[in-house]
PDB file of N, CA and C in Angstrom:
ATOM      1  N   MET A   1       0.657  -1.296   0.035  1.00  0.00           N
ATOM      2  CA  MET A   1       0.264   0.075  -0.089  1.00  0.00           C
ATOM      3  C   MET A   1       0.862   1.190   0.021  1.00  0.00           C
ATOM      4  N   HIS A   2       0.612   2.252  -0.490  1.00  0.00           N
ATOM      5  CA  HIS A   2       1.534   3.557  -0.871  1.00  0.00           C
ATOM      6  C   HIS A   2       1.062   4.737   0.010  1.00  0.00           C
ATOM      7  N   ILE A   3       0.086   4.421   1.168  1.00  0.00           N
ATOM      8  CA  ILE A   3       0.106   5.050   2.032  1.00  0.00           C
ATOM      9  C   ILE A   3       0.388   4.492   3.413  1.00  0.00           C
ATOM     10  N   ARG A   4       0.887   5.637   4.393  1.00  0.00           N
ATOM     11  CA  ARG A   4       1.469   4.937   5.832  1.00  0.00           C
ATOM     12  C   ARG A   4       0.866   6.052   6.636  1.00  0.00           C
ATOM     13  N   ILE A   5       0.958   5.514   7.904  1.00  0.00           N
ATOM     14  CA  ILE A   5       0.720   6.150   9.230  1.00  0.00           C
ATOM     15  C   ILE A   5       1.303   7.485   9.199  1.00  0.00           C
ATOM     16  N   ASP A   6       0.915   8.653   9.538  1.00  0.00           N
ATOM     17  CA  ASP A   6       1.552   9.853   9.580  1.00  0.00           C
ATOM     18  C   ASP A   6       2.014  10.627   8.315  1.00  0.00           C
ATOM     19  N   ASP A   7       1.278   9.954   7.306  1.00  0.00           N
ATOM     20  CA  ASP A   7       1.559  10.728   5.917  1.00  0.00           C
ATOM     21  C   ASP A   7       0.799  11.855   5.863  1.00  0.00           C
ATOM     22  N   THR A   8       0.924  12.598   4.839  1.00  0.00           N
ATOM     23  CA  THR A   8       0.019  13.603   4.790  1.00  0.00           C
ATOM     24  C   THR A   8      -0.682  13.419   3.241  1.00  0.00           C
ATOM     25  N   VAL A   9      -2.190  13.444   3.465  1.00  0.00           N
ATOM     26  CA  VAL A   9      -2.930  13.116   2.111  1.00  0.00           C
ATOM     27  C   VAL A   9      -3.881  13.811   1.734  1.00  0.00           C
ATOM     28  N   GLU A  10      -4.336  13.770   0.784  1.00  0.00           N
ATOM     29  CA  GLU A  10      -5.376  14.936   0.056  1.00  0.00           C
ATOM     30  C   GLU A  10      -6.627  13.998  -0.460  1.00  0.00           C
ATOM     31  N   VAL A  11      -7.603  14.328   0.034  1.00  0.00           N
ATOM     32  CA  VAL A  11      -8.783  13.803  -0.260  1.00  0.00           C
ATOM     33  C   VAL A  11      -9.376  14.076  -1.723  1.00  0.00           C
ATOM     34  N   ILE A  12      -9.310  12.966  -2.537  1.00  0.00           N
ATOM     35  CA  ILE A  12      -9.345  13.558  -3.786  1.00  0.00           C
ATOM     36  C   ILE A  12     -11.235  13.376  -4.334  1.00  0.00           C
ATOM     37  N   SER A  13     -11.817  12.662  -3.506  1.00  0.00           N
ATOM     38  CA  SER A  13     -13.291  12.436  -3.848  1.00  0.00           C
ATOM     39  C   SER A  13     -14.226  12.045  -2.581  1.00  0.00           C
ATOM     40  N   GLY A  14     -15.376  12.310  -2.669  1.00  0.00           N
ATOM     41  CA  GLY A  14     -16.257  12.467  -1.431  1.00  0.00           C
ATOM     42  C   GLY A  14     -16.640  13.736  -0.900  1.00  0.00           C
ATOM     43  N   ALA A  15     -17.277  13.908   0.101  1.00  0.00           N
ATOM     44  CA  ALA A  15     -17.905  14.957   0.899  1.00  0.00           C
ATOM     45  C   ALA A  15     -16.732  15.968   1.188  1.00  0.00           C
ATOM     46  N   ASP A  16     -15.633  15.292   1.595  1.00  0.00           N
ATOM     47  CA  ASP A  16     -14.635  15.962   2.166  1.00  0.00           C
ATOM     48  C   ASP A  16     -13.301  16.223   1.039  1.00  0.00           C
ATOM     49  N   ARG A  17     -13.785  16.425  -0.261  1.00  0.00           N
ATOM     50  CA  ARG A  17     -12.985  16.446  -1.264  1.00  0.00           C
ATOM     51  C   ARG A  17     -11.960  17.916  -1.249  1.00  0.00           C
ATOM     52  N   GLY A  18     -10.725  17.548  -1.219  1.00  0.00           N
ATOM     53  CA  GLY A  18      -9.719  18.796  -1.024  1.00  0.00           C
ATOM     54  C   GLY A  18      -9.289  19.153   0.203  1.00  0.00           C
ATOM     55  N   VAL A  19      -9.675  18.336   1.205  1.00  0.00           N
ATOM     56  CA  VAL A  19      -9.143  18.548   2.128  1.00  0.00           C
ATOM     57  C   VAL A  19      -7.250  17.750   2.597  1.00  0.00           C
ATOM     58  N   ARG A  20      -6.773  18.241   2.828  1.00  0.00           N
ATOM     59  CA  ARG A  20      -5.491  17.778   3.169  1.00  0.00           C
ATOM     60  C   ARG A  20      -5.318  17.591   4.940  1.00  0.00           C
ATOM     61  N   ALA A  21      -4.872  16.508   5.204  1.00  0.00           N
ATOM     62  CA  ALA A  21      -4.898  16.070   6.504  1.00  0.00           C
ATOM     63  C   ALA A  21      -3.826  14.666   6.898  1.00  0.00           C
ATOM     64  N   LYS A  22      -3.675  14.530   7.994  1.00  0.00           N
ATOM     65  CA  LYS A  22      -2.806  13.091   8.396  1.00  0.00           C
ATOM     66  C   LYS A  22      -3.566  12.088   8.523  1.00  0.00           C
ATOM     67  N   VAL A  23      -2.709  11.095   8.009  1.00  0.00           N
ATOM     68  CA  VAL A  23      -3.327   9.581   8.180  1.00  0.00           C
ATOM     69  C   VAL A  23      -3.118   9.147   9.728  1.00  0.00           C
ATOM     70  N   MET A  24      -4.279   8.479  10.517  1.00  0.00           N
ATOM     71  CA  MET A  24      -3.932   8.237  11.869  1.00  0.00           C
ATOM     72  C   MET A  24      -4.151   6.548  11.717  1.00  0.00           C
ATOM     73  N   LYS A  25      -4.638   5.909  10.913  1.00  0.00           N
ATOM     74  CA  LYS A  25      -4.991   4.458  11.065  1.00  0.00           C
ATOM     75  C   LYS A  25      -4.864   3.887   9.493  1.00  0.00           C
ATOM     76  N   VAL A  26      -4.083   2.681   9.245  1.00  0.00           N
ATOM     77  CA  VAL A  26      -4.427   2.129   7.894  1.00  0.00           C
ATOM     78  C   VAL A  26      -4.796   0.516   8.251  1.00  0.00           C
ATOM     79  N   ASP A  27      -5.615   0.173   7.560  1.00  0.00           N
ATOM     80  CA  ASP A  27      -6.233  -1.199   7.719  1.00  0.00           C
ATOM     81  C   ASP A  27      -5.857  -1.840   6.184  1.00  0.00           C
ATOM     82  N   HIS A  28      -4.838  -2.462   6.057  1.00  0.00           N
ATOM     83  CA  HIS A  28      -4.270  -3.035   4.771  1.00  0.00           C
ATOM     84  C   HIS A  28      -5.409  -4.252   4.356  1.00  0.00           C
ATOM     85  N   GLU A  29      -5.779  -4.967   5.157  1.00  0.00           N
ATOM     86  CA  GLU A  29      -6.820  -6.054   4.512  1.00  0.00           C
ATOM     87  C   GLU A  29      -7.707  -5.618   3.868  1.00  0.00           C
ATOM     88  N   ALA A  30      -8.689  -4.451   4.458  1.00  0.00           N
ATOM     89  CA  ALA A  30      -9.785  -3.614   3.765  1.00  0.00           C
ATOM     90  C   ALA A  30      -9.480  -2.721   2.750  1.00  0.00           C
ATOM     91  N   GLY A  31      -7.985  -2.187   2.865  1.00  0.00           N
ATOM     92  CA  GLY A  31      -7.882  -1.155   2.020  1.00  0.00           C
ATOM     93  C   GLY A  31      -8.550   0.211   2.389  1.00  0.00           C
ATOM     94  N   LYS A  32      -8.571   0.272   3.476  1.00  0.00           N
ATOM     95  CA  LYS A  32      -9.098   1.497   3.828  1.00  0.00           C
ATOM     96  C   LYS A  32      -7.931   2.198   5.083  1.00  0.00           C
ATOM     97  N   ILE A  33      -8.321   3.889   4.887  1.00  0.00           N
ATOM     98  CA  ILE A  33      -7.346   4.724   5.902  1.00  0.00           C
ATOM     99  C   ILE A  33      -8.167   5.441   6.759  1.00  0.00           C
ATOM    100  N   ILE A  34      -8.000   5.884   8.018  1.00  0.00           N
ATOM    101  CA  ILE A  34      -8.589   6.847   8.658  1.00  0.00           C
ATOM    102  C   ILE A  34      -7.551   8.308   8.740  1.00  0.00           C
ATOM    103  N   VAL A  35      -8.506   9.165   8.403  1.00  0.00           N
ATOM    104  CA  VAL A  35      -7.770  10.523   8.009  1.00  0.00           C
ATOM    105  C   VAL A  35      -8.252  11.447   9.194  1.00  0.00           C
ATOM    106  N   GLU A  36      -7.315  12.308   9.687  1.00  0.00           N
ATOM    107  CA  GLU A  36      -7.707  13.335  10.701  1.00  0.00           C
ATOM    108  C   GLU A  36      -9.131  14.067  10.065  1.00  0.00           C
ATOM    109  N   ASN A  37     -10.032  14.212  10.846  1.00  0.00           N
ATOM    110  CA  ASN A  37     -11.212  15.126  10.418  1.00  0.00           C
ATOM    111  C   ASN A  37     -12.010  15.027   9.250  1.00  0.00           C
ATOM    112  N   VAL A  38     -11.688  13.854   8.885  1.00  0.00           N
ATOM    113  CA  VAL A  38     -12.416  13.506   7.524  1.00  0.00           C
ATOM    114  C   VAL A  38     -13.134  12.191   7.494  1.00  0.00           C
ATOM    115  N   ASN A  39     -14.397  12.510   6.867  1.00  0.00           N
ATOM    116  CA  ASN A  39     -15.531  11.478   6.940  1.00  0.00           C
ATOM    117  C   ASN A  39     -16.213  11.298   8.461  1.00  0.00           C
ATOM    118  N   ARG A  40     -16.309  12.479   9.067  1.00  0.00           N
ATOM    119  CA  ARG A  40     -16.908  12.337  10.595  1.00  0.00           C
ATOM    120  C   ARG A  40     -18.392  12.028  10.535  1.00  0.00           C
ATOM    121  N   ALA A  41     -18.544  10.913  11.401  1.00  0.00           N
ATOM    122  CA  ALA A  41     -20.137  10.442  11.660  1.00  0.00           C
ATOM    123  C   ALA A  41     -20.128  10.334  13.129  1.00  0.00           C
ATOM    124  N   TYR A  42     -21.484  10.589  13.474  1.00  0.00           N
ATOM    125  CA  TYR A  42     -22.083  10.420  14.962  1.00  0.00           C
ATOM    126  C   TYR A  42     -22.251   9.256  15.079  1.00  0.00           C
ATOM    127  N   LYS A  43     -21.788   9.201  16.701  1.00  0.00           N
ATOM    128  CA  LYS A  43     -21.930   7.593  17.129  1.00  0.00           C
ATOM    129  C   LYS A  43     -22.838   7.901  18.469  1.00  0.00           C
ATOM    130  N   HIS A  44     -23.823   7.335  18.368  1.00  0.00           N
ATOM    131  CA  HIS A  44     -24.787   7.513  19.883  1.00  0.00           C
ATOM    132  C   HIS A  44     -24.295   6.231  20.850  1.00  0.00           C
ATOM    133  N   VAL A  45     -24.094   7.322  21.869  1.00  0.00           N
ATOM    134  CA  VAL A  45     -23.299   6.298  23.094  1.00  0.00           C
ATOM    135  C   VAL A  45     -24.194   6.417  24.165  1.00  0.00           C
ATOM    136  N   ARG A  46     -24.686   5.445  24.819  1.00  0.00           N
ATOM    137  CA  ARG A  46     -25.062   5.061  26.005  1.00  0.00           C
ATOM    138  C   ARG A  46     -24.465   5.834  27.369  1.00  0.00           C
ATOM    139  N   ARG A  47     -25.409   6.203  28.236  1.00  0.00           N
ATOM    140  CA  ARG A  47     -24.407   6.715  29.268  1.00  0.00           C
ATOM    141  C   ARG A  47     -23.933   5.634  30.011  1.00  0.00           C
ATOM    142  N   SER A  48     -22.669   5.672  30.740  1.00  0.00           N
ATOM    143  CA  SER A  48     -21.863   4.707  31.163  1.00  0.00           C
ATOM    144  C   SER A  48     -20.796   5.470  32.079  1.00  0.00           C
ATOM    145  N   GLN A  49     -20.001   4.487  32.867  1.00  0.00           N
ATOM    146  CA  GLN A  49     -18.852   5.246  33.322  1.00  0.00           C
ATOM    147  C   GLN A  49     -17.769   5.846  32.790  1.00  0.00           C
ATOM    148  N   ARG A  50     -17.589   4.969  31.546  1.00  0.00           N
ATOM    149  CA  ARG A  50     -16.516   5.593  30.677  1.00  0.00           C
ATOM    150  C   ARG A  50     -17.055   6.969  30.200  1.00  0.00           C
ATOM    151  N   ASN A  51     -18.271   6.831  30.043  1.00  0.00           N
ATOM    152  CA  ASN A  51     -18.875   8.064  29.060  1.00  0.00           C
ATOM    153  C   ASN A  51     -20.125   8.521  30.091  1.00  0.00           C
ATOM    154  N   PRO A  52     -20.087   9.566  31.181  1.00  0.00           N
ATOM    155  CA  PRO A  52     -21.263   9.496  32.158  1.00  0.00           C
ATOM    156  C   PRO A  52     -21.969  10.660  31.347  1.00  0.00           C
ATOM    157  N   GLN A  53     -21.575  11.471  30.347  1.00  0.00           N
ATOM    158  CA  GLN A  53     -22.725  12.474  29.864  1.00  0.00           C
ATOM    159  C   GLN A  53     -23.592  11.705  28.945  1.00  0.00           C
ATOM    160  N   GLY A  54     -23.215  10.793  27.915  1.00  0.00           N
ATOM    161  CA  GLY A  54     -23.808  10.067  27.052  1.00  0.00           C
ATOM    162  C   GLY A  54     -23.873  10.892  25.886  1.00  0.00           C
ATOM    163  N   GLY A  55     -24.824  10.643  24.985  1.00  0.00           N
ATOM    164  CA  GLY A  55     -25.193  11.371  23.889  1.00  0.00           C
ATOM    165  C   GLY A  55     -24.516  10.972  22.640  1.00  0.00           C
ATOM    166  N   ARG A  56     -24.234  11.906  21.732  1.00  0.00           N
ATOM    167  CA  ARG A  56     -23.551  11.758  20.200  1.00  0.00           C
ATOM    168  C   ARG A  56     -21.898  12.097  20.209  1.00  0.00           C
ATOM    169  N   LEU A  57     -21.271  11.123  20.040  1.00  0.00           N
ATOM    170  CA  LEU A  57     -19.671  11.354  19.578  1.00  0.00           C
ATOM    171  C   LEU A  57     -19.760  11.475  18.117  1.00  0.00           C
ATOM    172  N   SER A  58     -18.944  12.404  17.695  1.00  0.00           N
ATOM    173  CA  SER A  58     -18.334  12.606  16.347  1.00  0.00           C
ATOM    174  C   SER A  58     -17.116  11.783  16.064  1.00  0.00           C
ATOM    175  N   LYS A  59     -16.957  10.909  15.235  1.00  0.00           N
ATOM    176  CA  LYS A  59     -15.652  10.041  15.099  1.00  0.00           C
ATOM    177  C   LYS A  59     -15.340   9.967  13.546  1.00  0.00           C
ATOM    178  N   GLU A  60     -13.930   9.871  13.368  1.00  0.00           N
ATOM    179  CA  GLU A  60     -13.811   9.712  12.272  1.00  0.00           C
ATOM    180  C   GLU A  60     -13.917   8.216  11.313  1.00  0.00           C
ATOM    181  N   MET A  61     -14.466   8.102  10.316  1.00  0.00           N
ATOM    182  CA  MET A  61     -14.721   6.713   9.907  1.00  0.00           C
ATOM    183  C   MET A  61     -14.113   6.524   8.777  1.00  0.00           C
ATOM    184  N   PRO A  62     -13.413   5.300   8.242  1.00  0.00           N
ATOM    185  CA  PRO A  62     -12.643   4.837   7.153  1.00  0.00           C
ATOM    186  C   PRO A  62     -12.952   5.424   5.890  1.00  0.00           C
ATOM    187  N   ILE A  63     -11.819   5.782   5.206  1.00  0.00           N
ATOM    188  CA  ILE A  63     -12.052   5.765   3.780  1.00  0.00           C
ATOM    189  C   ILE A  63     -11.317   5.066   2.700  1.00  0.00           C
ATOM    190  N   GLN A  64     -11.832   4.830   1.318  1.00  0.00           N
ATOM    191  CA  GLN A  64     -10.969   3.871   0.891  1.00  0.00           C
ATOM    192  C   GLN A  64      -9.756   4.358   0.454  1.00  0.00           C
ATOM    193  N   THR A  65      -8.739   3.883   0.464  1.00  0.00           N
ATOM    194  CA  THR A  65      -7.529   4.466   0.011  1.00  0.00           C
ATOM    195  C   THR A  65      -7.444   4.905  -1.437  1.00  0.00           C
ATOM    196  N   SER A  66      -8.027   4.643  -2.408  1.00  0.00           N
ATOM    197  CA  SER A  66      -7.913   5.038  -3.759  1.00  0.00           C
ATOM    198  C   SER A  66      -8.705   6.405  -3.598  1.00  0.00           C
ATOM    199  N   ASN A  67      -9.293   6.814  -2.869  1.00  0.00           N
ATOM    200  CA  ASN A  67      -9.752   8.074  -2.476  1.00  0.00           C
ATOM    201  C   ASN A  67      -9.026   9.112  -1.975  1.00  0.00           C
ATOM    202  N   ALA A  68      -7.585   9.092  -1.495  1.00  0.00           N
ATOM    203  CA  ALA A  68      -6.569   9.733  -1.399  1.00  0.00           C
ATOM    204  C   ALA A  68      -5.455   9.756  -1.861  1.00  0.00           C
ATOM    205  N   MET A  69      -4.875  10.864  -2.141  1.00  0.00           N
ATOM    206  CA  MET A  69      -3.302  10.717  -2.742  1.00  0.00           C
ATOM    207  C   MET A  69      -2.314  11.529  -1.931  1.00  0.00           C
ATOM    208  N   LEU A  70      -1.227  10.774  -1.712  1.00  0.00           N
ATOM    209  CA  LEU A  70      -0.124  11.528  -1.021  1.00  0.00           C
ATOM    210  C   LEU A  70       0.349  12.674  -1.344  1.00  0.00           C
ATOM    211  N   VAL A  71       0.733  13.394  -0.254  1.00  0.00           N
ATOM    212  CA  VAL A  71       1.184  14.817  -0.705  1.00  0.00           C
ATOM    213  C   VAL A  71       2.742  14.593  -0.472  1.00  0.00           C
ATOM    214  N   CYS A  72       3.405  15.331  -1.330  1.00  0.00           N
ATOM    215  CA  CYS A  72       4.863  15.212  -1.489  1.00  0.00           C
ATOM    216  C   CYS A  72       5.128  16.226  -0.563  1.00  0.00           C
ATOM    217  N   GLU A  73       6.281  16.160   0.340  1.00  0.00           N
ATOM    218  CA  GLU A  73       6.578  17.339   1.151  1.00  0.00           C
ATOM    219  C   GLU A  73       7.684  18.359   0.716  1.00  0.00           C
ATOM    220  N   LYS A  74       8.367  17.783  -0.501  1.00  0.00           N
ATOM    221  CA  LYS A  74       9.138  18.655  -1.364  1.00  0.00           C
ATOM    222  C   LYS A  74       8.588  19.618  -2.359  1.00  0.00           C
ATOM    223  N   CYS A  75       7.504  18.828  -3.156  1.00  0.00           N
ATOM    224  CA  CYS A  75       6.846  19.755  -4.174  1.00  0.00           C
ATOM    225  C   CYS A  75       5.308  20.146  -3.743  1.00  0.00           C
ATOM    226  N   ASN A  76       5.190  19.793  -2.491  1.00  0.00           N
ATOM    227  CA  ASN A  76       3.793  20.346  -1.948  1.00  0.00           C
ATOM    228  C   ASN A  76       2.607  19.931  -3.123  1.00  0.00           C
ATOM    229  N   LYS A  77       2.611  18.805  -3.456  1.00  0.00           N
ATOM    230  CA  LYS A  77       1.602  18.571  -4.572  1.00  0.00           C
ATOM    231  C   LYS A  77       1.059  16.996  -4.287  1.00  0.00           C
ATOM    232  N   ALA A  78      -0.254  16.793  -4.471  1.00  0.00           N
ATOM    233  CA  ALA A  78      -0.885  15.264  -4.405  1.00  0.00           C
ATOM    234  C   ALA A  78      -0.142  14.773  -5.368  1.00  0.00           C
ATOM    235  N   THR A  79       0.320  13.452  -5.501  1.00  0.00           N
ATOM    236  CA  THR A  79       0.952  13.158  -6.440  1.00  0.00           C
ATOM    237  C   THR A  79       1.029  11.361  -6.280  1.00  0.00           C
ATOM    238  N   ARG A  80       1.114  10.718  -7.245  1.00  0.00           N
ATOM    239  CA  ARG A  80       1.193   9.321  -7.657  1.00  0.00           C
ATOM    240  C   ARG A  80       2.455   8.959  -7.026  1.00  0.00           C
ATOM    241  N   THR A  81       2.856   7.795  -6.316  1.00  0.00           N
ATOM    242  CA  THR A  81       3.866   7.321  -5.896  1.00  0.00           C
ATOM    243  C   THR A  81       4.579   6.184  -6.791  1.00  0.00           C
ATOM    244  N   GLY A  82       5.632   5.728  -6.738  1.00  0.00           N
ATOM    245  CA  GLY A  82       6.430   4.605  -7.398  1.00  0.00           C
ATOM    246  C   GLY A  82       7.125   4.137  -6.237  1.00  0.00           C
ATOM    247  N   ALA A  83       7.670   3.174  -6.555  1.00  0.00           N
ATOM    248  CA  ALA A  83       8.715   2.150  -5.830  1.00  0.00           C
ATOM    249  C   ALA A  83      10.046   1.966  -6.667  1.00  0.00           C
ATOM    250  N   ARG A  84      11.223   2.203  -5.817  1.00  0.00           N
ATOM    251  CA  ARG A  84      12.515   1.969  -6.565  1.00  0.00           C
ATOM    252  C   ARG A  84      13.633   1.341  -5.580  1.00  0.00           C
ATOM    253  N   PHE A  85      14.646   1.016  -6.314  1.00  0.00           N
ATOM    254  CA  PHE A  85      15.471   0.394  -5.305  1.00  0.00           C
ATOM    255  C   PHE A  85      16.869   1.543  -5.265  1.00  0.00           C
ATOM    256  N   LEU A  86      17.377   1.647  -4.510  1.00  0.00           N
ATOM    257  CA  LEU A  86      18.568   2.546  -4.418  1.00  0.00           C
ATOM    258  C   LEU A  86      19.879   1.504  -4.563  1.00  0.00           C
ATOM    259  N   ASP A  87      21.084   2.513  -4.603  1.00  0.00           N
ATOM    260  CA  ASP A  87      22.313   1.799  -4.989  1.00  0.00           C
ATOM    261  C   ASP A  87      22.581   0.877  -3.916  1.00  0.00           C
ATOM    262  N   ASP A  88      22.363   0.965  -2.794  1.00  0.00           N
ATOM    263  CA  ASP A  88      22.820   0.020  -1.499  1.00  0.00           C
ATOM    264  C   ASP A  88      21.724  -1.176  -1.438  1.00  0.00           C
ATOM    265  N   GLY A  89      20.576  -1.150  -2.110  1.00  0.00           N
ATOM    266  CA  GLY A  89      19.511  -2.228  -2.173  1.00  0.00           C
ATOM    267  C   GLY A  89      18.382  -1.915  -1.488  1.00  0.00           C
ATOM    268  N   SER A  90      18.379  -0.991  -0.628  1.00  0.00           N
ATOM    269  CA  SER A  90      16.917  -0.633   0.014  1.00  0.00           C
ATOM    270  C   SER A  90      15.779   0.063  -1.412  1.00  0.00           C
ATOM    271  N   LYS A  91      14.696  -0.410  -0.906  1.00  0.00           N
ATOM    272  CA  LYS A  91      13.230   0.150  -1.677  1.00  0.00           C
ATOM    273  C   LYS A  91      12.595   1.417  -0.868  1.00  0.00           C
ATOM    274  N   VAL A  92      12.709   2.104  -1.761  1.00  0.00           N
ATOM    275  CA  VAL A  92      11.973   3.461  -1.146  1.00  0.00           C
ATOM    276  C   VAL A  92      10.662   3.794  -2.140  1.00  0.00           C
ATOM    277  N   ARG A  93      10.160   4.692  -1.483  1.00  0.00           N
ATOM    278  CA  ARG A  93       8.828   5.228  -2.473  1.00  0.00           C
ATOM    279  C   ARG A  93       9.318   6.456  -2.704  1.00  0.00           C
ATOM    280  N   TYR A  94       8.689   6.900  -3.830  1.00  0.00           N
ATOM    281  CA  TYR A  94       9.260   8.350  -4.508  1.00  0.00           C
ATOM    282  C   TYR A  94       8.068   9.024  -5.201  1.00  0.00           C
ATOM    283  N   CYS A  95       8.078  10.062  -5.116  1.00  0.00           N
ATOM    284  CA  CYS A  95       7.132  11.205  -6.057  1.00  0.00           C
ATOM    285  C   CYS A  95       7.276  11.224  -7.521  1.00  0.00           C
ATOM    286  N   LYS A  96       6.356  10.924  -7.940  1.00  0.00           N
ATOM    287  CA  LYS A  96       6.055  10.721  -9.635  1.00  0.00           C
ATOM    288  C   LYS A  96       6.425  12.132 -10.191  1.00  0.00           C
ATOM    289  N   GLN A  97       6.141  13.300  -9.589  1.00  0.00           N
ATOM    290  CA  GLN A  97       6.301  14.455 -10.435  1.00  0.00           C
ATOM    291  C   GLN A  97       7.620  14.979 -10.300  1.00  0.00           C
ATOM    292  N   CYS A  98       8.064  14.789  -8.880  1.00  0.00           N
ATOM    293  CA  CYS A  98       9.688  15.547  -8.949  1.00  0.00           C
ATOM    294  C   CYS A  98      10.683  14.463  -8.562  1.00  0.00           C
ATOM    295  N   GLY A  99      10.243  13.508  -8.269  1.00  0.00           N
ATOM    296  CA  GLY A  99      11.435  12.238  -8.024  1.00  0.00           C
ATOM    297  C   GLY A  99      11.830  12.361  -6.696  1.00  0.00           C
ATOM    298  N   ALA A 100      11.434  13.160  -5.609  1.00  0.00           N
ATOM    299  CA  ALA A 100      12.118  13.224  -4.206  1.00  0.00           C
ATOM    300  C   ALA A 100      11.557  11.799  -3.697  1.00  0.00           C
ATOM    301  N   GLY A 101      12.661  11.348  -2.486  1.00  0.00           N
ATOM    302  CA  GLY A 101      12.193  10.359  -1.973  1.00  0.00           C
ATOM    303  C   GLY A 101      11.247  10.422  -1.154  1.00  0.00           C
ATOM    304  N   LEU A 102      10.310   9.438  -0.594  1.00  0.00           N
ATOM    305  CA  LEU A 102       9.204   9.676   0.140  1.00  0.00           C
ATOM    306  C   LEU A 102       9.570   8.923   1.503  1.00  0.00           C
ATOM    307  N   GLY A 103      10.623   8.167   1.510  1.00  0.00           N
ATOM    308  CA  GLY A 103      10.568   7.234   2.965  1.00  0.00           C
ATOM    309  C   GLY A 103      11.139   5.801   2.453  1.00  0.00           C
ATOM    310  N   GLU A 104      11.715   4.953   2.980  1.00  0.00           N
ATOM    311  CA  GLU A 104      11.871   3.613   2.889  1.00  0.00           C
ATOM    312  C   GLU A 104      10.839   2.685   3.010  1.00  0.00           C
ATOM    313  N   ILE A 105      10.483   1.484   2.098  1.00  0.00           N
ATOM    314  CA  ILE A 105       9.754   0.711   2.301  1.00  0.00           C
ATOM    315  C   ILE A 105      10.377  -0.469   2.748  1.00  0.00           C
ATOM    316  N   ALA A 106      11.280  -1.080   2.483  1.00  0.00           N
ATOM    317  CA  ALA A 106      12.199  -2.225   2.971  1.00  0.00           C
ATOM    318  C   ALA A 106      13.374  -1.967   3.060  1.00  0.00           C
ATOM    319  N   PRO A 107      14.184  -2.661   4.243  1.00  0.00           N
ATOM    320  CA  PRO A 107      15.792  -2.100   4.405  1.00  0.00           C
ATOM    321  C   PRO A 107      16.515  -2.860   2.974  1.00  0.00           C
ATOM    322  N   ALA A 108      17.853  -2.514   3.212  1.00  0.00           N
ATOM    323  CA  ALA A 108      18.812  -2.699   2.184  1.00  0.00           C
ATOM    324  C   ALA A 108      19.025  -4.184   2.303  1.00  0.00           C
ATOM    325  N   ARG A 109      19.035  -4.697   0.841  1.00  0.00           N
ATOM    326  CA  ARG A 109      19.253  -6.573   0.654  1.00  0.00           C
ATOM    327  C   ARG A 109      20.206  -6.184  -0.465  1.00  0.00           C
ATOM    328  N   ALA A 110      21.273  -7.199  -0.264  1.00  0.00           N
ATOM    329  CA  ALA A 110      22.385  -7.452  -1.123  1.00  0.00           C
ATOM    330  C   ALA A 110      21.962  -7.819  -2.692  1.00  0.00           C
ATOM    331  N   ARG A 111      20.632  -8.664  -2.536  1.00  0.00           N
ATOM    332  CA  ARG A 111      20.472  -8.975  -3.970  1.00  0.00           C
ATOM    333  C   ARG A 111      19.922  -7.696  -4.884  1.00  0.00           C
ATOM    334  N   TYR A 112      19.486  -6.887  -4.368  1.00  0.00           N
ATOM    335  CA  TYR A 112      19.203  -5.715  -5.203  1.00  0.00           C
ATOM    336  C   TYR A 112      20.121  -4.462  -5.086  1.00  0.00           C
ATOM    337  N   ALA A 113      21.233  -4.601  -4.475  1.00  0.00           N
ATOM    338  CA  ALA A 113      22.447  -3.465  -4.713  1.00  0.00           C
ATOM    339  C   ALA A 113      23.186  -3.528  -5.818  1.00  0.00           C
ATOM    340  N   LYS A 114      23.448  -2.330  -6.381  1.00  0.00           N
ATOM    341  CA  LYS A 114      24.162  -2.200  -7.706  1.00  0.00           C
ATOM    342  C   LYS A 114      25.559  -2.427  -7.348  1.00  0.00           C
ATOM    343  N   LYS A 115      26.332  -3.419  -8.315  1.00  0.00           N
ATOM    344  CA  LYS A 115      27.391  -3.536  -7.956  1.00  0.00           C
ATOM    345  C   LYS A 115      28.573  -2.582  -8.404  1.00  0.00           C
TER     346      LYS A 115
END
């Protein structure tokens, strides 16, 4: 998956289209992410010791990963990402628009190192 926790993403479809926010949680199996202050829904909660007031809680609900694009820190644009191997054999994500590295995916392996 091309999106990780603490990445900044831009929502490209849905009611919150155009919003840039931080990813809080990633569900790889379902292909969904939870983004800060995006796709908020009300959950009605009964009065309890944990929640003595009761009432309606507003919480973020998951959105499909395909509905968000990663924002590159260098060019500050929502961009597609790719994966490439560096000379030492480590695999990194990179911005397709400016070519900047966006973080390591896998550690260095001798098999993929350039000789």
